[in-house]
Amino acid sequence: LDEARLAHIAQLYGRAVAAADPLRVGQW
């Protein structure tokens, strides 16, 4: 992958994980 696409995918992955964080953190 070129650097820009890799950065975009990593950002999307991070956003997907972060979207569930309030739910998980609340449980913890």
mmCIF file of all heavy atoms, coordinates in Angstrom:
data_MODEL
# 
_entry.id   MODEL 
# 
loop_
_atom_site.group_PDB 
_atom_site.id 
_atom_site.type_symbol 
_atom_site.label_atom_id 
_atom_site.label_alt_id 
_atom_site.label_comp_id 
_atom_site.label_asym_id 
_atom_site.label_entity_id 
_atom_site.label_seq_id 
_atom_site.pdbx_PDB_ins_code 
_atom_site.Cartn_x 
_atom_site.Cartn_y 
_atom_site.Cartn_z 
_atom_site.occupancy 
_atom_site.B_iso_or_equiv 
_atom_site.pdbx_formal_charge 
_atom_site.auth_seq_id 
_atom_site.auth_comp_id 
_atom_site.auth_asym_id 
_atom_site.auth_atom_id 
_atom_site.pdbx_PDB_model_num 
ATOM 1   N N   . LEU A 1 1  ? 0.832   -1.206 0.000  1.00 0.00 ? 1  LEU A N   1 
ATOM 2   C CA  . LEU A 1 1  ? 0.000   0.000  0.000  1.00 0.00 ? 1  LEU A CA  1 
ATOM 3   C C   . LEU A 1 1  ? 0.864   1.253  0.000  1.00 0.00 ? 1  LEU A C   1 
ATOM 4   O O   . LEU A 1 1  ? 1.921   1.288  0.628  1.00 0.00 ? 1  LEU A O   1 
ATOM 5   C CB  . LEU A 1 1  ? -0.872  0.034  1.259  1.00 0.00 ? 1  LEU A CB  1 
ATOM 6   C CG  . LEU A 1 1  ? -1.936  -1.039 1.401  1.00 0.00 ? 1  LEU A CG  1 
ATOM 7   C CD1 . LEU A 1 1  ? -2.624  -0.918 2.749  1.00 0.00 ? 1  LEU A CD1 1 
ATOM 8   C CD2 . LEU A 1 1  ? -2.947  -0.940 0.283  1.00 0.00 ? 1  LEU A CD2 1 
ATOM 9   N N   . ASP A 1 2  ? 0.367   2.293  -0.700 1.00 0.00 ? 2  ASP A N   1 
ATOM 10  C CA  . ASP A 1 2  ? 1.089   3.562  -0.618 1.00 0.00 ? 2  ASP A CA  1 
ATOM 11  C C   . ASP A 1 2  ? 0.800   4.195  0.748  1.00 0.00 ? 2  ASP A C   1 
ATOM 12  O O   . ASP A 1 2  ? -0.171  3.854  1.422  1.00 0.00 ? 2  ASP A O   1 
ATOM 13  C CB  . ASP A 1 2  ? 0.727   4.492  -1.783 1.00 0.00 ? 2  ASP A CB  1 
ATOM 14  C CG  . ASP A 1 2  ? -0.716  4.948  -1.750 1.00 0.00 ? 2  ASP A CG  1 
ATOM 15  O OD1 . ASP A 1 2  ? -1.086  5.670  -0.796 1.00 0.00 ? 2  ASP A OD1 1 
ATOM 16  O OD2 . ASP A 1 2  ? -1.478  4.597  -2.671 1.00 0.00 ? 2  ASP A OD2 1 
ATOM 17  N N   . GLU A 1 3  ? 1.646   5.107  1.147  1.00 0.00 ? 3  GLU A N   1 
ATOM 18  C CA  . GLU A 1 3  ? 1.582   5.701  2.488  1.00 0.00 ? 3  GLU A CA  1 
ATOM 19  C C   . GLU A 1 3  ? 0.250   6.375  2.767  1.00 0.00 ? 3  GLU A C   1 
ATOM 20  O O   . GLU A 1 3  ? -0.314  6.242  3.854  1.00 0.00 ? 3  GLU A O   1 
ATOM 21  C CB  . GLU A 1 3  ? 2.738   6.695  2.672  1.00 0.00 ? 3  GLU A CB  1 
ATOM 22  C CG  . GLU A 1 3  ? 2.839   7.258  4.069  1.00 0.00 ? 3  GLU A CG  1 
ATOM 23  C CD  . GLU A 1 3  ? 3.073   6.208  5.157  1.00 0.00 ? 3  GLU A CD  1 
ATOM 24  O OE1 . GLU A 1 3  ? 3.743   5.196  4.891  1.00 0.00 ? 3  GLU A OE1 1 
ATOM 25  O OE2 . GLU A 1 3  ? 2.565   6.403  6.272  1.00 0.00 ? 3  GLU A OE2 1 
ATOM 26  N N   . ALA A 1 4  ? -0.311  7.087  1.804  1.00 0.00 ? 4  ALA A N   1 
ATOM 27  C CA  . ALA A 1 4  ? -1.573  7.800  2.007  1.00 0.00 ? 4  ALA A CA  1 
ATOM 28  C C   . ALA A 1 4  ? -2.726  6.827  2.254  1.00 0.00 ? 4  ALA A C   1 
ATOM 29  O O   . ALA A 1 4  ? -3.558  7.043  3.141  1.00 0.00 ? 4  ALA A O   1 
ATOM 30  C CB  . ALA A 1 4  ? -1.879  8.689  0.802  1.00 0.00 ? 4  ALA A CB  1 
ATOM 31  N N   . ARG A 1 5  ? -2.754  5.750  1.481  1.00 0.00 ? 5  ARG A N   1 
ATOM 32  C CA  . ARG A 1 5  ? -3.838  4.776  1.661  1.00 0.00 ? 5  ARG A CA  1 
ATOM 33  C C   . ARG A 1 5  ? -3.691  4.043  2.986  1.00 0.00 ? 5  ARG A C   1 
ATOM 34  O O   . ARG A 1 5  ? -4.668  3.807  3.691  1.00 0.00 ? 5  ARG A O   1 
ATOM 35  C CB  . ARG A 1 5  ? -3.857  3.781  0.506  1.00 0.00 ? 5  ARG A CB  1 
ATOM 36  C CG  . ARG A 1 5  ? -5.085  2.893  0.549  1.00 0.00 ? 5  ARG A CG  1 
ATOM 37  C CD  . ARG A 1 5  ? -5.374  2.251  -0.768 1.00 0.00 ? 5  ARG A CD  1 
ATOM 38  N NE  . ARG A 1 5  ? -6.644  1.549  -0.706 1.00 0.00 ? 5  ARG A NE  1 
ATOM 39  C CZ  . ARG A 1 5  ? -6.921  0.481  -1.413 1.00 0.00 ? 5  ARG A CZ  1 
ATOM 40  N NH1 . ARG A 1 5  ? -6.034  0.004  -2.272 1.00 0.00 ? 5  ARG A NH1 1 
ATOM 41  N NH2 . ARG A 1 5  ? -8.085  -0.108 -1.303 1.00 0.00 ? 5  ARG A NH2 1 
ATOM 42  N N   . LEU A 1 6  ? -2.466  3.672  3.338  1.00 0.00 ? 6  LEU A N   1 
ATOM 43  C CA  . LEU A 1 6  ? -2.218  3.021  4.615  1.00 0.00 ? 6  LEU A CA  1 
ATOM 44  C C   . LEU A 1 6  ? -2.660  3.929  5.764  1.00 0.00 ? 6  LEU A C   1 
ATOM 45  O O   . LEU A 1 6  ? -3.324  3.487  6.707  1.00 0.00 ? 6  LEU A O   1 
ATOM 46  C CB  . LEU A 1 6  ? -0.742  2.658  4.757  1.00 0.00 ? 6  LEU A CB  1 
ATOM 47  C CG  . LEU A 1 6  ? -0.334  2.034  6.088  1.00 0.00 ? 6  LEU A CG  1 
ATOM 48  C CD1 . LEU A 1 6  ? -1.090  0.740  6.348  1.00 0.00 ? 6  LEU A CD1 1 
ATOM 49  C CD2 . LEU A 1 6  ? 1.163   1.777  6.100  1.00 0.00 ? 6  LEU A CD2 1 
ATOM 50  N N   . ALA A 1 7  ? -2.308  5.208  5.682  1.00 0.00 ? 7  ALA A N   1 
ATOM 51  C CA  . ALA A 1 7  ? -2.699  6.161  6.724  1.00 0.00 ? 7  ALA A CA  1 
ATOM 52  C C   . ALA A 1 7  ? -4.218  6.276  6.813  1.00 0.00 ? 7  ALA A C   1 
ATOM 53  O O   . ALA A 1 7  ? -4.785  6.316  7.907  1.00 0.00 ? 7  ALA A O   1 
ATOM 54  C CB  . ALA A 1 7  ? -2.073  7.526  6.453  1.00 0.00 ? 7  ALA A CB  1 
ATOM 55  N N   . HIS A 1 8  ? -4.890  6.282  5.671  1.00 0.00 ? 8  HIS A N   1 
ATOM 56  C CA  . HIS A 1 8  ? -6.358  6.379  5.648  1.00 0.00 ? 8  HIS A CA  1 
ATOM 57  C C   . HIS A 1 8  ? -7.000  5.150  6.275  1.00 0.00 ? 8  HIS A C   1 
ATOM 58  O O   . HIS A 1 8  ? -7.920  5.261  7.090  1.00 0.00 ? 8  HIS A O   1 
ATOM 59  C CB  . HIS A 1 8  ? -6.849  6.582  4.212  1.00 0.00 ? 8  HIS A CB  1 
ATOM 60  C CG  . HIS A 1 8  ? -8.320  6.766  4.120  1.00 0.00 ? 8  HIS A CG  1 
ATOM 61  N ND1 . HIS A 1 8  ? -9.142  5.851  3.492  1.00 0.00 ? 8  HIS A ND1 1 
ATOM 62  C CD2 . HIS A 1 8  ? -9.134  7.734  4.616  1.00 0.00 ? 8  HIS A CD2 1 
ATOM 63  C CE1 . HIS A 1 8  ? -10.391 6.263  3.589  1.00 0.00 ? 8  HIS A CE1 1 
ATOM 64  N NE2 . HIS A 1 8  ? -10.416 7.392  4.259  1.00 0.00 ? 8  HIS A NE2 1 
ATOM 65  N N   . ILE A 1 9  ? -6.510  3.975  5.925  1.00 0.00 ? 9  ILE A N   1 
ATOM 66  C CA  . ILE A 1 9  ? -7.064  2.733  6.493  1.00 0.00 ? 9  ILE A CA  1 
ATOM 67  C C   . ILE A 1 9  ? -6.804  2.678  7.997  1.00 0.00 ? 9  ILE A C   1 
ATOM 68  O O   . ILE A 1 9  ? -7.698  2.310  8.773  1.00 0.00 ? 9  ILE A O   1 
ATOM 69  C CB  . ILE A 1 9  ? -6.487  1.499  5.769  1.00 0.00 ? 9  ILE A CB  1 
ATOM 70  C CG1 . ILE A 1 9  ? -7.035  1.448  4.330  1.00 0.00 ? 9  ILE A CG1 1 
ATOM 71  C CG2 . ILE A 1 9  ? -6.838  0.206  6.516  1.00 0.00 ? 9  ILE A CG2 1 
ATOM 72  C CD1 . ILE A 1 9  ? -6.356  0.426  3.443  1.00 0.00 ? 9  ILE A CD1 1 
ATOM 73  N N   . ALA A 1 10 ? -5.607  3.053  8.416  1.00 0.00 ? 10 ALA A N   1 
ATOM 74  C CA  . ALA A 1 10 ? -5.301  3.066  9.849  1.00 0.00 ? 10 ALA A CA  1 
ATOM 75  C C   . ALA A 1 10 ? -6.208  4.048  10.585 1.00 0.00 ? 10 ALA A C   1 
ATOM 76  O O   . ALA A 1 10 ? -6.685  3.759  11.690 1.00 0.00 ? 10 ALA A O   1 
ATOM 77  C CB  . ALA A 1 10 ? -3.829  3.423  10.075 1.00 0.00 ? 10 ALA A CB  1 
ATOM 78  N N   . GLN A 1 11 ? -6.468  5.183  9.970  1.00 0.00 ? 11 GLN A N   1 
ATOM 79  C CA  . GLN A 1 11 ? -7.365  6.170  10.577 1.00 0.00 ? 11 GLN A CA  1 
ATOM 80  C C   . GLN A 1 11 ? -8.787  5.612  10.687 1.00 0.00 ? 11 GLN A C   1 
ATOM 81  O O   . GLN A 1 11 ? -9.444  5.766  11.719 1.00 0.00 ? 11 GLN A O   1 
ATOM 82  C CB  . GLN A 1 11 ? -7.364  7.458  9.760  1.00 0.00 ? 11 GLN A CB  1 
ATOM 83  C CG  . GLN A 1 11 ? -8.274  8.532  10.347 1.00 0.00 ? 11 GLN A CG  1 
ATOM 84  C CD  . GLN A 1 11 ? -8.375  9.751  9.453  1.00 0.00 ? 11 GLN A CD  1 
ATOM 85  O OE1 . GLN A 1 11 ? -8.468  9.629  8.241  1.00 0.00 ? 11 GLN A OE1 1 
ATOM 86  N NE2 . GLN A 1 11 ? -8.362  10.922 10.065 1.00 0.00 ? 11 GLN A NE2 1 
ATOM 87  N N   . LEU A 1 12 ? -9.258  4.964  9.641  1.00 0.00 ? 12 LEU A N   1 
ATOM 88  C CA  . LEU A 1 12 ? -10.602 4.363  9.678  1.00 0.00 ? 12 LEU A CA  1 
ATOM 89  C C   . LEU A 1 12 ? -10.690 3.284  10.760 1.00 0.00 ? 12 LEU A C   1 
ATOM 90  O O   . LEU A 1 12 ? -11.678 3.210  11.498 1.00 0.00 ? 12 LEU A O   1 
ATOM 91  C CB  . LEU A 1 12 ? -10.966 3.771  8.314  1.00 0.00 ? 12 LEU A CB  1 
ATOM 92  C CG  . LEU A 1 12 ? -11.263 4.775  7.208  1.00 0.00 ? 12 LEU A CG  1 
ATOM 93  C CD1 . LEU A 1 12 ? -11.426 4.045  5.876  1.00 0.00 ? 12 LEU A CD1 1 
ATOM 94  C CD2 . LEU A 1 12 ? -12.504 5.585  7.542  1.00 0.00 ? 12 LEU A CD2 1 
ATOM 95  N N   . TYR A 1 13 ? -9.665  2.464  10.856 1.00 0.00 ? 13 TYR A N   1 
ATOM 96  C CA  . TYR A 1 13 ? -9.635  1.428  11.888 1.00 0.00 ? 13 TYR A CA  1 
ATOM 97  C C   . TYR A 1 13 ? -9.712  2.076  13.280 1.00 0.00 ? 13 TYR A C   1 
ATOM 98  O O   . TYR A 1 13 ? -10.501 1.660  14.131 1.00 0.00 ? 13 TYR A O   1 
ATOM 99  C CB  . TYR A 1 13 ? -8.366  0.579  11.749 1.00 0.00 ? 13 TYR A CB  1 
ATOM 100 C CG  . TYR A 1 13 ? -8.208  -0.439 12.845 1.00 0.00 ? 13 TYR A CG  1 
ATOM 101 C CD1 . TYR A 1 13 ? -8.909  -1.640 12.800 1.00 0.00 ? 13 TYR A CD1 1 
ATOM 102 C CD2 . TYR A 1 13 ? -7.381  -0.194 13.924 1.00 0.00 ? 13 TYR A CD2 1 
ATOM 103 C CE1 . TYR A 1 13 ? -8.779  -2.577 13.813 1.00 0.00 ? 13 TYR A CE1 1 
ATOM 104 C CE2 . TYR A 1 13 ? -7.240  -1.122 14.942 1.00 0.00 ? 13 TYR A CE2 1 
ATOM 105 C CZ  . TYR A 1 13 ? -7.945  -2.316 14.883 1.00 0.00 ? 13 TYR A CZ  1 
ATOM 106 O OH  . TYR A 1 13 ? -7.814  -3.225 15.896 1.00 0.00 ? 13 TYR A OH  1 
ATOM 107 N N   . GLY A 1 14 ? -8.899  3.096  13.492 1.00 0.00 ? 14 GLY A N   1 
ATOM 108 C CA  . GLY A 1 14 ? -8.913  3.801  14.772 1.00 0.00 ? 14 GLY A CA  1 
ATOM 109 C C   . GLY A 1 14 ? -10.260 4.421  15.082 1.00 0.00 ? 14 GLY A C   1 
ATOM 110 O O   . GLY A 1 14 ? -10.745 4.366  16.213 1.00 0.00 ? 14 GLY A O   1 
ATOM 111 N N   . ARG A 1 15 ? -10.898 5.011  14.074 1.00 0.00 ? 15 ARG A N   1 
ATOM 112 C CA  . ARG A 1 15 ? -12.223 5.602  14.273 1.00 0.00 ? 15 ARG A CA  1 
ATOM 113 C C   . ARG A 1 15 ? -13.258 4.534  14.594 1.00 0.00 ? 15 ARG A C   1 
ATOM 114 O O   . ARG A 1 15 ? -14.148 4.761  15.424 1.00 0.00 ? 15 ARG A O   1 
ATOM 115 C CB  . ARG A 1 15 ? -12.627 6.397  13.036 1.00 0.00 ? 15 ARG A CB  1 
ATOM 116 C CG  . ARG A 1 15 ? -11.857 7.705  12.898 1.00 0.00 ? 15 ARG A CG  1 
ATOM 117 C CD  . ARG A 1 15 ? -12.173 8.431  11.614 1.00 0.00 ? 15 ARG A CD  1 
ATOM 118 N NE  . ARG A 1 15 ? -13.597 8.743  11.516 1.00 0.00 ? 15 ARG A NE  1 
ATOM 119 C CZ  . ARG A 1 15 ? -14.184 9.109  10.385 1.00 0.00 ? 15 ARG A CZ  1 
ATOM 120 N NH1 . ARG A 1 15 ? -13.472 9.215  9.260  1.00 0.00 ? 15 ARG A NH1 1 
ATOM 121 N NH2 . ARG A 1 15 ? -15.464 9.380  10.353 1.00 0.00 ? 15 ARG A NH2 1 
ATOM 122 N N   . ALA A 1 16 ? -13.155 3.369  13.949 1.00 0.00 ? 16 ALA A N   1 
ATOM 123 C CA  . ALA A 1 16 ? -14.100 2.282  14.225 1.00 0.00 ? 16 ALA A CA  1 
ATOM 124 C C   . ALA A 1 16 ? -13.957 1.802  15.662 1.00 0.00 ? 16 ALA A C   1 
ATOM 125 O O   . ALA A 1 16 ? -14.952 1.599  16.371 1.00 0.00 ? 16 ALA A O   1 
ATOM 126 C CB  . ALA A 1 16 ? -13.876 1.123  13.246 1.00 0.00 ? 16 ALA A CB  1 
ATOM 127 N N   . VAL A 1 17 ? -12.721 1.637  16.104 1.00 0.00 ? 17 VAL A N   1 
ATOM 128 C CA  . VAL A 1 17 ? -12.480 1.200  17.489 1.00 0.00 ? 17 VAL A CA  1 
ATOM 129 C C   . VAL A 1 17 ? -12.955 2.282  18.458 1.00 0.00 ? 17 VAL A C   1 
ATOM 130 O O   . VAL A 1 17 ? -13.617 1.991  19.457 1.00 0.00 ? 17 VAL A O   1 
ATOM 131 C CB  . VAL A 1 17 ? -10.992 0.855  17.698 1.00 0.00 ? 17 VAL A CB  1 
ATOM 132 C CG1 . VAL A 1 17 ? -10.683 0.630  19.161 1.00 0.00 ? 17 VAL A CG1 1 
ATOM 133 C CG2 . VAL A 1 17 ? -10.608 -0.365 16.866 1.00 0.00 ? 17 VAL A CG2 1 
ATOM 134 N N   . ALA A 1 18 ? -12.637 3.544  18.156 1.00 0.00 ? 18 ALA A N   1 
ATOM 135 C CA  . ALA A 1 18 ? -13.012 4.647  19.039 1.00 0.00 ? 18 ALA A CA  1 
ATOM 136 C C   . ALA A 1 18 ? -14.524 4.827  19.125 1.00 0.00 ? 18 ALA A C   1 
ATOM 137 O O   . ALA A 1 18 ? -15.037 5.269  20.155 1.00 0.00 ? 18 ALA A O   1 
ATOM 138 C CB  . ALA A 1 18 ? -12.352 5.945  18.561 1.00 0.00 ? 18 ALA A CB  1 
ATOM 139 N N   . ALA A 1 19 ? -15.238 4.466  18.069 1.00 0.00 ? 19 ALA A N   1 
ATOM 140 C CA  . ALA A 1 19 ? -16.696 4.615  18.087 1.00 0.00 ? 19 ALA A CA  1 
ATOM 141 C C   . ALA A 1 19 ? -17.332 3.747  19.171 1.00 0.00 ? 19 ALA A C   1 
ATOM 142 O O   . ALA A 1 19 ? -18.362 4.105  19.736 1.00 0.00 ? 19 ALA A O   1 
ATOM 143 C CB  . ALA A 1 19 ? -17.283 4.259  16.714 1.00 0.00 ? 19 ALA A CB  1 
ATOM 144 N N   . ALA A 1 20 ? -16.702 2.624  19.481 1.00 0.00 ? 20 ALA A N   1 
ATOM 145 C CA  . ALA A 1 20 ? -17.238 1.721  20.506 1.00 0.00 ? 20 ALA A CA  1 
ATOM 146 C C   . ALA A 1 20 ? -16.678 2.020  21.893 1.00 0.00 ? 20 ALA A C   1 
ATOM 147 O O   . ALA A 1 20 ? -17.164 1.483  22.879 1.00 0.00 ? 20 ALA A O   1 
ATOM 148 C CB  . ALA A 1 20 ? -16.932 0.274  20.124 1.00 0.00 ? 20 ALA A CB  1 
ATOM 149 N N   . ASP A 1 21 ? -15.669 2.890  21.983 1.00 0.00 ? 21 ASP A N   1 
ATOM 150 C CA  . ASP A 1 21 ? -15.026 3.147  23.270 1.00 0.00 ? 21 ASP A CA  1 
ATOM 151 C C   . ASP A 1 21 ? -15.974 3.619  24.373 1.00 0.00 ? 21 ASP A C   1 
ATOM 152 O O   . ASP A 1 21 ? -15.883 3.131  25.492 1.00 0.00 ? 21 ASP A O   1 
ATOM 153 C CB  . ASP A 1 21 ? -13.874 4.132  23.115 1.00 0.00 ? 21 ASP A CB  1 
ATOM 154 C CG  . ASP A 1 21 ? -12.584 3.451  22.700 1.00 0.00 ? 21 ASP A CG  1 
ATOM 155 O OD1 . ASP A 1 21 ? -12.555 2.197  22.683 1.00 0.00 ? 21 ASP A OD1 1 
ATOM 156 O OD2 . ASP A 1 21 ? -11.613 4.157  22.404 1.00 0.00 ? 21 ASP A OD2 1 
ATOM 157 N N   . PRO A 1 22 ? -16.876 4.559  24.107 1.00 0.00 ? 22 PRO A N   1 
ATOM 158 C CA  . PRO A 1 22 ? -17.755 4.987  25.206 1.00 0.00 ? 22 PRO A CA  1 
ATOM 159 C C   . PRO A 1 22 ? -18.556 3.820  25.800 1.00 0.00 ? 22 PRO A C   1 
ATOM 160 O O   . PRO A 1 22 ? -18.739 3.741  27.008 1.00 0.00 ? 22 PRO A O   1 
ATOM 161 C CB  . PRO A 1 22 ? -18.685 6.007  24.552 1.00 0.00 ? 22 PRO A CB  1 
ATOM 162 C CG  . PRO A 1 22 ? -17.914 6.521  23.384 1.00 0.00 ? 22 PRO A CG  1 
ATOM 163 C CD  . PRO A 1 22 ? -17.092 5.349  22.899 1.00 0.00 ? 22 PRO A CD  1 
ATOM 164 N N   . LEU A 1 23 ? -18.973 2.907  24.969 1.00 0.00 ? 23 LEU A N   1 
ATOM 165 C CA  . LEU A 1 23 ? -19.700 1.727  25.423 1.00 0.00 ? 23 LEU A CA  1 
ATOM 166 C C   . LEU A 1 23 ? -18.801 0.866  26.303 1.00 0.00 ? 23 LEU A C   1 
ATOM 167 O O   . LEU A 1 23 ? -19.175 0.493  27.413 1.00 0.00 ? 23 LEU A O   1 
ATOM 168 C CB  . LEU A 1 23 ? -20.168 0.930  24.202 1.00 0.00 ? 23 LEU A CB  1 
ATOM 169 C CG  . LEU A 1 23 ? -20.831 -0.405 24.455 1.00 0.00 ? 23 LEU A CG  1 
ATOM 170 C CD1 . LEU A 1 23 ? -22.252 -0.187 24.939 1.00 0.00 ? 23 LEU A CD1 1 
ATOM 171 C CD2 . LEU A 1 23 ? -20.832 -1.217 23.172 1.00 0.00 ? 23 LEU A CD2 1 
ATOM 172 N N   . ARG A 1 24 ? -17.604 0.559  25.819 1.00 0.00 ? 24 ARG A N   1 
ATOM 173 C CA  . ARG A 1 24 ? -16.681 -0.301 26.561 1.00 0.00 ? 24 ARG A CA  1 
ATOM 174 C C   . ARG A 1 24 ? -16.204 0.366  27.848 1.00 0.00 ? 24 ARG A C   1 
ATOM 175 O O   . ARG A 1 24 ? -16.201 -0.240 28.911 1.00 0.00 ? 24 ARG A O   1 
ATOM 176 C CB  . ARG A 1 24 ? -15.482 -0.673 25.694 1.00 0.00 ? 24 ARG A CB  1 
ATOM 177 C CG  . ARG A 1 24 ? -15.868 -1.509 24.492 1.00 0.00 ? 24 ARG A CG  1 
ATOM 178 C CD  . ARG A 1 24 ? -14.692 -1.889 23.663 1.00 0.00 ? 24 ARG A CD  1 
ATOM 179 N NE  . ARG A 1 24 ? -13.814 -0.736 23.438 1.00 0.00 ? 24 ARG A NE  1 
ATOM 180 C CZ  . ARG A 1 24 ? -12.636 -0.809 22.868 1.00 0.00 ? 24 ARG A CZ  1 
ATOM 181 N NH1 . ARG A 1 24 ? -12.172 -1.954 22.476 1.00 0.00 ? 24 ARG A NH1 1 
ATOM 182 N NH2 . ARG A 1 24 ? -11.906 0.272  22.686 1.00 0.00 ? 24 ARG A NH2 1 
ATOM 183 N N   . VAL A 1 25 ? -15.819 1.633  27.752 1.00 0.00 ? 25 VAL A N   1 
ATOM 184 C CA  . VAL A 1 25 ? -15.309 2.337  28.923 1.00 0.00 ? 25 VAL A CA  1 
ATOM 185 C C   . VAL A 1 25 ? -16.388 2.433  29.992 1.00 0.00 ? 25 VAL A C   1 
ATOM 186 O O   . VAL A 1 25 ? -16.108 2.291  31.185 1.00 0.00 ? 25 VAL A O   1 
ATOM 187 C CB  . VAL A 1 25 ? -14.761 3.730  28.533 1.00 0.00 ? 25 VAL A CB  1 
ATOM 188 C CG1 . VAL A 1 25 ? -14.445 4.567  29.763 1.00 0.00 ? 25 VAL A CG1 1 
ATOM 189 C CG2 . VAL A 1 25 ? -13.520 3.569  27.666 1.00 0.00 ? 25 VAL A CG2 1 
ATOM 190 N N   . GLY A 1 26 ? -17.627 2.614  29.591 1.00 0.00 ? 26 GLY A N   1 
ATOM 191 C CA  . GLY A 1 26 ? -18.726 2.650  30.553 1.00 0.00 ? 26 GLY A CA  1 
ATOM 192 C C   . GLY A 1 26 ? -18.839 1.354  31.326 1.00 0.00 ? 26 GLY A C   1 
ATOM 193 O O   . GLY A 1 26 ? -19.033 1.355  32.543 1.00 0.00 ? 26 GLY A O   1 
ATOM 194 N N   . GLN A 1 27 ? -18.693 0.241  30.637 1.00 0.00 ? 27 GLN A N   1 
ATOM 195 C CA  . GLN A 1 27 ? -18.749 -1.062 31.299 1.00 0.00 ? 27 GLN A CA  1 
ATOM 196 C C   . GLN A 1 27 ? -17.596 -1.233 32.276 1.00 0.00 ? 27 GLN A C   1 
ATOM 197 O O   . GLN A 1 27 ? -17.765 -1.725 33.378 1.00 0.00 ? 27 GLN A O   1 
ATOM 198 C CB  . GLN A 1 27 ? -18.711 -2.187 30.258 1.00 0.00 ? 27 GLN A CB  1 
ATOM 199 C CG  . GLN A 1 27 ? -19.981 -2.317 29.458 1.00 0.00 ? 27 GLN A CG  1 
ATOM 200 C CD  . GLN A 1 27 ? -21.130 -2.750 30.331 1.00 0.00 ? 27 GLN A CD  1 
ATOM 201 O OE1 . GLN A 1 27 ? -21.065 -3.759 31.011 1.00 0.00 ? 27 GLN A OE1 1 
ATOM 202 N NE2 . GLN A 1 27 ? -22.181 -1.969 30.328 1.00 0.00 ? 27 GLN A NE2 1 
ATOM 203 N N   . TRP A 1 28 ? -16.400 -0.832 31.876 1.00 0.00 ? 28 TRP A N   1 
ATOM 204 C CA  . TRP A 1 28 ? -15.233 -0.958 32.749 1.00 0.00 ? 28 TRP A CA  1 
ATOM 205 C C   . TRP A 1 28 ? -15.389 -0.060 33.965 1.00 0.00 ? 28 TRP A C   1 
ATOM 206 O O   . TRP A 1 28 ? -15.112 -0.461 35.085 1.00 0.00 ? 28 TRP A O   1 
ATOM 207 C CB  . TRP A 1 28 ? -13.951 -0.581 32.026 1.00 0.00 ? 28 TRP A CB  1 
ATOM 208 C CG  . TRP A 1 28 ? -13.675 -1.361 30.798 1.00 0.00 ? 28 TRP A CG  1 
ATOM 209 C CD1 . TRP A 1 28 ? -14.054 -2.650 30.530 1.00 0.00 ? 28 TRP A CD1 1 
ATOM 210 C CD2 . TRP A 1 28 ? -12.952 -0.920 29.657 1.00 0.00 ? 28 TRP A CD2 1 
ATOM 211 N NE1 . TRP A 1 28 ? -13.608 -3.026 29.286 1.00 0.00 ? 28 TRP A NE1 1 
ATOM 212 C CE2 . TRP A 1 28 ? -12.930 -1.991 28.734 1.00 0.00 ? 28 TRP A CE2 1 
ATOM 213 C CE3 . TRP A 1 28 ? -12.328 0.269  29.333 1.00 0.00 ? 28 TRP A CE3 1 
ATOM 214 C CZ2 . TRP A 1 28 ? -12.294 -1.890 27.508 1.00 0.00 ? 28 TRP A CZ2 1 
ATOM 215 C CZ3 . TRP A 1 28 ? -11.699 0.354  28.111 1.00 0.00 ? 28 TRP A CZ3 1 
ATOM 216 C CH2 . TRP A 1 28 ? -11.680 -0.713 27.216 1.00 0.00 ? 28 TRP A CH2 1 
# 
